[in-house]
Amino acid sequence: MGHRDTQTMRIGIDYTSAVRQRAGIGRYTRELVRALLVIDHSHQYSIFAATGGLPDHRWAEAAERLRSVGDRQLEVHTVPITDDWLARLWHRVRLPIPVELITGPLDVFYSPDFTLPPTMHSTHAVLTVHDLSFVHQPEAFVPQLRRYLERAVPGSVHRADVVLADSAHTRADLIALFGIPQDKVEVITPGVDSRFCARSTPAVALGGNRPRTETIGQRHGVGDSPYVLSVGTLQPRKNYLRLIQAFARMRQAKSSDVQLLIAGGRGWLFEDVIAEADKHDSVRLLGFVADEELPALYRDATLFAFPSLYEGFGLPVLEAMACGTPVVCSNRSSLPEVAGDAALLVDPEDVVELSAAMDRVLEDPELRATMIDRGLAQATRFTWKRSARQLLDVITSWEGT
């Protein structure tokens, strides 16, 4: 790899998802870009977001948080239209308006959210594709979103100089489904932020003796009851309908007051989940839970359940493990490589198997203790600093060219 002595690289980043999406890719982008700015003081970053329709303070606060990281000034830019309209112009109408008109001249442009804008021929393009669920499970998407992804993602993937995948499973998907050369696709796994951490003496027994933070108990009405937690946007891919059914089956055979809490904003095609949850007093849909509250919610859970039908990675699994909570999760897609030997893996479409696995973890203190120890070890393998270093290696591979 070459090195420049007198000239820094100009790196552009699409920060739109970080500003507009509170969870999922939005959180991924915020964490990764922050870690990148912490470790790299050699290059110039030009960051932009489509902020149309957002309150003025939303971008001002985001820009200030970015500038507070590191020891240099960043260039930050906004486009006064919505992300939907920007996508229409770039990917539907295909207006050849290069992103450099927003960011200024660039050496490298990085998009963390599935698609690339038009760029100048001299700009190297790096793209993250988190998963190909719209290919594997098209029925789980509203038609408009599915059509957009089917049109925009393949073209962006083939235009990119390097495509980044969150897992080996997604990398294999990209190569098999889109015919991308193997040497063009690299794996950069997400990380677990240090705020997701366990108490020094995690409880092992059902319900345990964990001192609940008053805020969690009051805000969600849990009191001192043990609870099973799941985290993720309400959408068909998360398989919440079967999770509720499996939980209800397990609880019906017990005298325990264990509850099920599902933390996630409303995505799409979620009506059946709400209808099923309404049938059970022991099931609570919390809606979106802010980042700062999630660690305590994970820590206080007796069990974390994640029976997703498809994941490009599945970060909540590691966040729960880092907080000292045992995990039952799906045996599909990337989840076995994320969970390692620390979780109980189940067929997500088998309600009886899912119910039995949750019951087994709740009832077996020795198993819980083993899973907690293994989970803590597994989570330490994934850090945002490591992810950022891998991304920086990709970006600077063109340094001096």
Protein backbone atom coordinates (compact mmCIF):
# COMPACT_ATOMS: atom_id res chain seq x y z
CA MET A 1 0.00 0.00 0.00
CA GLY A 2 1.38 3.39 -0.92
CA HIS A 3 1.42 6.42 1.41
CA ARG A 4 1.12 10.12 0.76
CA ASP A 5 3.47 12.43 2.62
CA THR A 6 2.05 15.76 1.46
CA GLN A 7 -1.56 15.08 0.59
CA THR A 8 -4.43 13.60 2.55
CA MET A 9 -7.24 11.60 1.04
CA ARG A 10 -10.67 13.18 0.75
CA ILE A 11 -13.29 10.69 1.91
CA GLY A 12 -17.01 11.23 1.42
CA ILE A 13 -19.63 9.45 3.52
CA ASP A 14 -23.40 9.31 3.14
CA TYR A 15 -24.64 9.93 6.70
CA THR A 16 -28.33 10.10 5.79
CA SER A 17 -29.30 6.84 7.48
CA ALA A 18 -27.58 7.93 10.70
CA VAL A 19 -29.77 11.01 10.90
CA ARG A 20 -33.06 9.59 9.66
CA GLN A 21 -33.09 6.03 11.09
CA ARG A 22 -32.98 5.59 14.84
CA ALA A 23 -32.32 1.84 14.79
CA GLY A 24 -30.78 -0.72 12.43
CA ILE A 25 -28.63 0.80 9.70
CA GLY A 26 -28.92 4.21 11.32
CA ARG A 27 -27.24 2.96 14.47
CA TYR A 28 -24.70 0.97 12.44
CA THR A 29 -23.72 4.13 10.55
CA ARG A 30 -23.45 6.29 13.67
CA GLU A 31 -21.28 3.78 15.51
CA LEU A 32 -18.99 2.93 12.58
CA VAL A 33 -18.40 6.52 11.45
CA ARG A 34 -17.73 7.66 15.00
CA ALA A 35 -15.17 4.88 15.49
CA LEU A 36 -13.58 5.73 12.13
CA LEU A 37 -13.16 9.39 13.08
CA VAL A 38 -11.66 8.39 16.43
CA ILE A 39 -8.91 6.25 14.89
CA ASP A 40 -8.12 8.28 11.76
CA HIS A 41 -6.61 11.75 11.98
CA SER A 42 -4.77 11.64 8.67
CA HIS A 43 -7.54 12.19 6.14
CA GLN A 44 -10.23 14.73 5.35
CA TYR A 45 -13.87 13.67 5.69
CA SER A 46 -16.79 15.23 3.86
CA ILE A 47 -20.08 14.00 5.29
CA PHE A 48 -23.53 14.71 3.94
CA ALA A 49 -27.15 13.87 4.64
CA ALA A 50 -30.51 14.39 2.97
CA THR A 51 -32.30 16.30 5.71
CA GLY A 52 -35.49 17.51 4.05
CA GLY A 53 -38.48 17.29 6.37
CA LEU A 54 -36.37 16.82 9.51
CA PRO A 55 -36.38 19.34 12.36
CA ASP A 56 -33.42 21.71 12.01
CA HIS A 57 -32.00 20.67 15.36
CA ARG A 58 -31.74 16.99 14.29
CA TRP A 59 -28.94 17.63 11.80
CA ALA A 60 -27.35 20.37 13.92
CA GLU A 61 -27.01 17.94 16.83
CA ALA A 62 -25.72 15.15 14.57
CA ALA A 63 -23.15 17.46 12.98
CA GLU A 64 -21.99 18.69 16.37
CA ARG A 65 -21.53 15.12 17.62
CA LEU A 66 -19.40 14.36 14.56
CA ARG A 67 -17.26 17.48 15.00
CA SER A 68 -16.69 16.64 18.66
CA VAL A 69 -14.88 13.43 17.70
CA GLY A 70 -11.18 13.63 16.97
CA ASP A 71 -9.01 16.72 16.67
CA ARG A 72 -9.92 18.20 13.29
CA GLN A 73 -12.79 19.97 11.58
CA LEU A 74 -15.06 18.01 9.28
CA GLU A 75 -16.92 19.22 6.26
CA VAL A 76 -20.61 18.56 6.78
CA HIS A 77 -23.24 19.17 4.10
CA THR A 78 -26.98 18.85 3.81
CA VAL A 79 -29.32 18.36 0.88
CA PRO A 80 -32.68 20.08 1.60
CA ILE A 81 -34.83 17.25 0.23
CA THR A 82 -35.96 13.96 1.73
CA ASP A 83 -34.03 10.75 1.34
CA ASP A 84 -36.96 9.34 -0.65
CA TRP A 85 -36.76 12.16 -3.18
CA LEU A 86 -33.00 11.89 -3.42
CA ALA A 87 -33.35 8.16 -4.11
CA ARG A 88 -35.95 8.89 -6.79
CA LEU A 89 -33.66 11.36 -8.52
CA TRP A 90 -30.60 9.12 -8.38
CA HIS A 91 -32.09 5.66 -8.85
CA ARG A 92 -35.46 6.03 -10.56
CA VAL A 93 -35.04 9.09 -12.77
CA ARG A 94 -31.30 8.37 -12.84
CA LEU A 95 -30.23 11.99 -12.98
CA PRO A 96 -26.45 11.94 -13.46
CA ILE A 97 -25.82 14.41 -10.63
CA PRO A 98 -22.59 13.26 -8.96
CA VAL A 99 -22.38 13.30 -5.18
CA GLU A 100 -19.25 15.44 -5.50
CA LEU A 101 -21.51 18.43 -6.25
CA ILE A 102 -22.56 18.09 -2.59
CA THR A 103 -19.32 16.97 -0.97
CA GLY A 104 -16.67 18.56 -3.14
CA PRO A 105 -13.94 16.53 -4.92
CA LEU A 106 -13.31 13.08 -3.43
CA ASP A 107 -10.81 10.27 -3.58
CA VAL A 108 -13.18 7.72 -2.03
CA PHE A 109 -16.92 7.69 -1.38
CA TYR A 110 -18.48 5.32 1.16
CA SER A 111 -22.18 4.43 1.38
CA PRO A 112 -23.24 2.32 4.39
CA ASP A 113 -26.81 1.80 3.16
CA PHE A 114 -27.19 -0.55 0.16
CA THR A 115 -27.02 1.95 -2.72
CA LEU A 116 -24.51 4.29 -4.34
CA PRO A 117 -25.21 7.74 -5.77
CA PRO A 118 -23.63 8.78 -9.07
CA THR A 119 -19.93 9.57 -8.58
CA MET A 120 -17.15 10.96 -10.73
CA HIS A 121 -15.14 8.36 -12.61
CA SER A 122 -12.04 9.26 -10.60
CA THR A 123 -13.75 8.54 -7.26
CA HIS A 124 -13.38 5.06 -5.78
CA ALA A 125 -16.69 3.76 -4.41
CA VAL A 126 -17.19 1.53 -1.35
CA LEU A 127 -20.62 0.12 -0.53
CA THR A 128 -22.02 -1.88 2.40
CA VAL A 129 -24.82 -4.34 1.66
CA HIS A 130 -26.11 -5.61 4.99
CA ASP A 131 -28.29 -8.44 3.73
CA LEU A 132 -30.24 -9.72 0.74
CA SER A 133 -33.52 -10.33 2.52
CA PHE A 134 -35.42 -8.59 -0.28
CA VAL A 135 -34.22 -11.41 -2.56
CA HIS A 136 -34.72 -14.27 -0.11
CA GLN A 137 -38.01 -13.07 1.38
CA PRO A 138 -39.71 -10.69 -1.06
CA GLU A 139 -43.09 -11.39 0.54
CA ALA A 140 -41.84 -9.73 3.74
CA PHE A 141 -41.51 -6.34 2.03
CA VAL A 142 -44.04 -3.79 0.92
CA PRO A 143 -43.99 -3.86 -2.92
CA GLN A 144 -42.68 -0.32 -3.37
CA LEU A 145 -39.64 -0.88 -1.16
CA ARG A 146 -38.94 -4.28 -2.72
CA ARG A 147 -39.06 -2.86 -6.25
CA TYR A 148 -36.70 -0.04 -5.27
CA LEU A 149 -34.16 -2.44 -3.77
CA GLU A 150 -34.42 -4.85 -6.70
CA ARG A 151 -33.67 -2.00 -9.08
CA ALA A 152 -31.09 0.02 -7.15
CA VAL A 153 -28.99 -2.53 -5.23
CA PRO A 154 -27.68 -4.70 -8.12
CA GLY A 155 -26.59 -1.67 -10.11
CA SER A 156 -24.86 -0.15 -7.07
CA VAL A 157 -23.13 -3.42 -6.25
CA HIS A 158 -21.68 -3.73 -9.74
CA ARG A 159 -20.57 -0.08 -9.81
CA ALA A 160 -18.77 -0.29 -6.47
CA ASP A 161 -15.04 -0.90 -6.41
CA VAL A 162 -15.41 -2.81 -3.13
CA VAL A 163 -18.57 -4.26 -1.60
CA LEU A 164 -18.64 -4.83 2.15
CA ALA A 165 -20.82 -7.50 3.78
CA ASP A 166 -21.66 -7.82 7.47
CA SER A 167 -21.09 -11.58 7.53
CA ALA A 168 -19.61 -14.48 5.59
CA HIS A 169 -23.17 -15.58 4.82
CA THR A 170 -24.05 -12.26 3.18
CA ARG A 171 -20.75 -12.26 1.28
CA ALA A 172 -21.60 -15.70 -0.13
CA ASP A 173 -25.08 -14.42 -1.04
CA LEU A 174 -23.63 -11.46 -2.94
CA ILE A 175 -21.26 -13.66 -4.91
CA ALA A 176 -23.89 -16.31 -5.70
CA LEU A 177 -26.88 -14.08 -6.42
CA PHE A 178 -25.22 -11.13 -8.13
CA GLY A 179 -22.19 -12.81 -9.68
CA ILE A 180 -19.70 -10.49 -8.02
CA PRO A 181 -16.02 -11.53 -8.19
CA GLN A 182 -14.91 -12.97 -4.87
CA ASP A 183 -12.00 -10.57 -4.52
CA LYS A 184 -14.39 -7.61 -4.72
CA VAL A 185 -16.41 -8.56 -1.60
CA GLU A 186 -15.00 -8.23 1.90
CA VAL A 187 -16.52 -8.96 5.31
CA ILE A 188 -16.54 -6.23 7.94
CA THR A 189 -18.59 -7.32 10.92
CA PRO A 190 -20.41 -4.76 13.09
CA GLY A 191 -19.24 -4.18 16.64
CA VAL A 192 -20.69 -4.05 20.12
CA ASP A 193 -20.42 -0.69 21.83
CA SER A 194 -18.78 -0.70 25.27
CA ARG A 195 -21.97 0.54 26.93
CA PHE A 196 -23.38 -2.95 26.38
CA CYS A 197 -21.77 -4.65 29.36
CA ALA A 198 -22.74 -7.07 32.10
CA ARG A 199 -22.96 -6.46 35.80
CA SER A 200 -20.03 -7.84 37.76
CA THR A 201 -22.17 -10.63 39.23
CA PRO A 202 -24.93 -11.57 36.77
CA ALA A 203 -27.90 -13.45 38.20
CA VAL A 204 -28.32 -17.02 37.03
CA ALA A 205 -31.58 -18.27 38.51
CA LEU A 206 -34.92 -17.52 36.89
CA GLY A 207 -35.77 -13.97 37.82
CA GLY A 208 -32.50 -13.85 39.68
CA ASN A 209 -31.77 -11.26 42.31
CA ARG A 210 -30.91 -8.56 39.84
CA PRO A 211 -31.52 -5.10 41.26
CA ARG A 212 -33.77 -3.55 38.62
CA THR A 213 -33.12 0.01 37.65
CA GLU A 214 -36.16 1.97 38.68
CA THR A 215 -36.42 3.63 35.28
CA ILE A 216 -36.82 0.34 33.41
CA GLY A 217 -39.42 -1.02 35.80
CA GLN A 218 -41.46 2.17 35.87
CA ARG A 219 -41.26 2.93 32.19
CA HIS A 220 -42.30 -0.51 30.99
CA GLY A 221 -44.49 -1.71 33.84
CA VAL A 222 -42.45 -4.85 34.44
CA GLY A 223 -41.93 -4.45 38.15
CA ASP A 224 -39.88 -7.33 39.54
CA SER A 225 -41.25 -9.95 37.15
CA PRO A 226 -38.68 -11.82 35.02
CA TYR A 227 -38.94 -11.17 31.32
CA VAL A 228 -37.87 -12.56 27.97
CA LEU A 229 -36.69 -9.80 25.64
CA SER A 230 -36.55 -9.44 21.87
CA VAL A 231 -35.26 -6.38 20.00
CA GLY A 232 -35.90 -5.32 16.42
CA THR A 233 -38.26 -3.40 14.17
CA LEU A 234 -41.75 -4.88 13.80
CA GLN A 235 -41.69 -6.52 10.36
CA PRO A 236 -42.34 -10.06 9.09
CA ARG A 237 -38.68 -11.08 8.88
CA LYS A 238 -38.28 -10.80 12.65
CA ASN A 239 -40.79 -13.65 13.13
CA TYR A 240 -42.49 -12.08 16.13
CA LEU A 241 -45.79 -13.83 15.48
CA ARG A 242 -44.22 -17.24 16.11
CA LEU A 243 -42.22 -15.87 19.04
CA ILE A 244 -45.41 -14.73 20.77
CA GLN A 245 -47.09 -18.05 20.07
CA ALA A 246 -44.08 -20.00 21.39
CA PHE A 247 -43.90 -17.83 24.49
CA ALA A 248 -47.62 -18.23 25.16
CA ARG A 249 -47.28 -21.99 24.80
CA MET A 250 -44.39 -22.07 27.27
CA ARG A 251 -46.08 -19.80 29.79
CA GLN A 252 -49.33 -21.75 29.68
CA ALA A 253 -47.50 -24.75 31.10
CA LYS A 254 -45.92 -22.72 33.92
CA SER A 255 -47.10 -20.89 36.99
CA SER A 256 -44.33 -18.30 36.51
CA ASP A 257 -45.13 -14.62 36.00
CA VAL A 258 -42.49 -14.32 33.25
CA GLN A 259 -43.34 -11.75 30.57
CA LEU A 260 -42.31 -11.14 26.97
CA LEU A 261 -41.10 -7.67 25.96
CA ILE A 262 -40.56 -6.78 22.31
CA ALA A 263 -38.63 -3.55 21.76
CA GLY A 264 -38.88 -2.14 18.26
CA GLY A 265 -40.58 0.55 16.24
CA ARG A 266 -43.31 -0.23 13.75
CA GLY A 267 -41.84 -1.11 10.37
CA TRP A 268 -44.24 -2.71 7.89
CA LEU A 269 -46.74 -5.58 7.66
CA PHE A 270 -46.90 -5.75 11.46
CA GLU A 271 -50.67 -5.86 12.00
CA ASP A 272 -50.80 -9.59 12.76
CA VAL A 273 -48.11 -9.19 15.43
CA ILE A 274 -50.09 -6.49 17.19
CA ALA A 275 -53.26 -8.57 16.99
CA GLU A 276 -51.48 -11.61 18.48
CA ALA A 277 -49.84 -9.57 21.24
CA ASP A 278 -53.22 -8.12 22.21
CA LYS A 279 -54.42 -11.63 23.06
CA HIS A 280 -51.89 -12.02 25.88
CA ASP A 281 -51.58 -9.90 29.02
CA SER A 282 -48.02 -11.18 29.46
CA VAL A 283 -46.79 -9.77 26.12
CA ARG A 284 -45.78 -6.12 25.83
CA LEU A 285 -44.85 -4.26 22.64
CA LEU A 286 -42.61 -1.45 23.86
CA GLY A 287 -42.21 0.39 20.58
CA PHE A 288 -38.87 2.00 19.79
CA VAL A 289 -36.46 2.05 22.74
CA ALA A 290 -33.74 4.71 22.71
CA ASP A 291 -30.10 3.63 22.43
CA GLU A 292 -29.24 4.86 25.91
CA GLU A 293 -31.92 2.69 27.51
CA LEU A 294 -31.15 -0.55 25.65
CA PRO A 295 -28.22 -1.79 27.81
CA ALA A 296 -30.32 -1.78 30.98
CA LEU A 297 -33.18 -3.47 29.14
CA TYR A 298 -30.83 -6.23 27.98
CA ARG A 299 -29.18 -6.61 31.40
CA ASP A 300 -32.45 -6.97 33.27
CA ALA A 301 -33.77 -9.62 30.88
CA THR A 302 -33.71 -13.24 32.02
CA LEU A 303 -33.46 -14.44 28.43
CA PHE A 304 -33.04 -12.87 25.00
CA ALA A 305 -34.95 -14.49 22.12
CA PHE A 306 -34.19 -13.73 18.46
CA PRO A 307 -36.00 -16.15 16.11
CA SER A 308 -35.45 -14.08 12.96
CA LEU A 309 -36.08 -15.76 9.62
CA TYR A 310 -33.17 -13.97 7.95
CA GLU A 311 -30.39 -11.66 9.13
CA GLY A 312 -27.39 -10.17 7.42
CA PHE A 313 -25.75 -10.14 10.84
CA GLY A 314 -28.00 -9.91 13.92
CA LEU A 315 -26.29 -7.39 16.21
CA PRO A 316 -28.89 -7.64 19.03
CA VAL A 317 -27.68 -11.20 19.68
CA LEU A 318 -24.20 -9.92 20.55
CA GLU A 319 -25.50 -6.93 22.49
CA ALA A 320 -27.53 -9.26 24.70
CA MET A 321 -24.52 -11.53 25.20
CA ALA A 322 -22.32 -8.56 26.11
CA CYS A 323 -24.87 -7.62 28.77
CA GLY A 324 -24.66 -11.07 30.35
CA THR A 325 -28.00 -12.36 29.08
CA PRO A 326 -28.36 -15.88 27.62
CA VAL A 327 -29.66 -16.11 24.05
CA VAL A 328 -31.99 -18.37 22.10
CA CYS A 329 -31.86 -17.55 18.40
CA SER A 330 -32.59 -18.79 14.92
CA ASN A 331 -30.34 -21.28 13.14
CA ARG A 332 -30.84 -19.44 9.82
CA SER A 333 -28.63 -17.24 7.63
CA SER A 334 -25.76 -15.48 9.44
CA LEU A 335 -26.94 -16.11 12.98
CA PRO A 336 -24.96 -19.31 13.64
CA GLU A 337 -21.68 -17.52 12.81
CA VAL A 338 -22.65 -14.55 14.98
CA ALA A 339 -23.79 -16.62 17.97
CA GLY A 340 -20.98 -19.19 17.84
CA ASP A 341 -21.34 -21.79 20.59
CA ALA A 342 -22.87 -19.33 23.05
CA ALA A 343 -26.58 -19.55 22.10
CA LEU A 344 -29.21 -22.23 21.75
CA LEU A 345 -30.04 -22.36 18.04
CA VAL A 346 -33.54 -23.35 16.91
CA ASP A 347 -35.60 -23.72 13.76
CA PRO A 348 -37.42 -20.36 13.74
CA GLU A 349 -40.47 -21.84 12.02
CA ASP A 350 -40.95 -24.54 14.68
CA VAL A 351 -43.04 -22.99 17.46
CA VAL A 352 -42.74 -26.11 19.65
CA GLU A 353 -38.94 -26.19 19.37
CA LEU A 354 -38.66 -22.46 20.10
CA SER A 355 -40.95 -22.79 23.12
CA ALA A 356 -38.97 -25.75 24.48
CA ALA A 357 -35.64 -23.96 24.05
CA MET A 358 -36.83 -20.90 25.97
CA ASP A 359 -38.23 -23.11 28.73
CA ARG A 360 -34.97 -25.05 28.96
CA VAL A 361 -32.87 -21.93 29.45
CA LEU A 362 -35.27 -20.43 31.98
CA GLU A 363 -35.38 -23.62 34.05
CA ASP A 364 -31.72 -24.72 34.03
CA PRO A 365 -29.40 -22.48 36.13
CA GLU A 366 -26.27 -24.40 35.14
CA LEU A 367 -27.06 -24.05 31.45
CA ARG A 368 -27.75 -20.35 31.95
CA ALA A 369 -24.40 -19.87 33.68
CA THR A 370 -22.54 -21.63 30.86
CA MET A 371 -24.40 -19.61 28.20
CA ILE A 372 -23.69 -16.35 29.99
CA ASP A 373 -19.95 -17.08 30.18
CA ARG A 374 -19.78 -18.15 26.55
CA GLY A 375 -21.82 -15.15 25.46
CA LEU A 376 -19.55 -12.68 27.22
CA ALA A 377 -16.55 -14.26 25.50
CA GLN A 378 -18.24 -14.27 22.08
CA ALA A 379 -19.22 -10.60 22.30
CA THR A 380 -15.64 -9.47 22.99
CA ARG A 381 -14.67 -10.61 19.48
CA PHE A 382 -16.70 -7.79 17.90
CA THR A 383 -15.78 -4.12 18.46
CA TRP A 384 -16.50 -0.98 16.46
CA LYS A 385 -12.81 -0.06 16.67
CA ARG A 386 -11.96 -3.30 14.88
CA SER A 387 -14.68 -2.65 12.29
CA ALA A 388 -13.42 0.90 11.71
CA ARG A 389 -9.84 -0.29 11.23
CA GLN A 390 -11.00 -2.78 8.61
CA LEU A 391 -12.97 -0.06 6.81
CA LEU A 392 -9.99 2.30 6.93
CA ASP A 393 -7.78 -0.40 5.43
CA VAL A 394 -10.21 -0.69 2.52
CA ILE A 395 -10.41 3.09 2.03
CA THR A 396 -6.66 3.65 2.19
CA SER A 397 -5.88 0.81 -0.21
CA TRP A 398 -6.03 3.53 -2.90
CA GLU A 399 -3.78 5.87 -0.96
CA GLY A 400 -1.09 7.32 -3.16
CA THR A 401 -2.76 6.19 -6.39
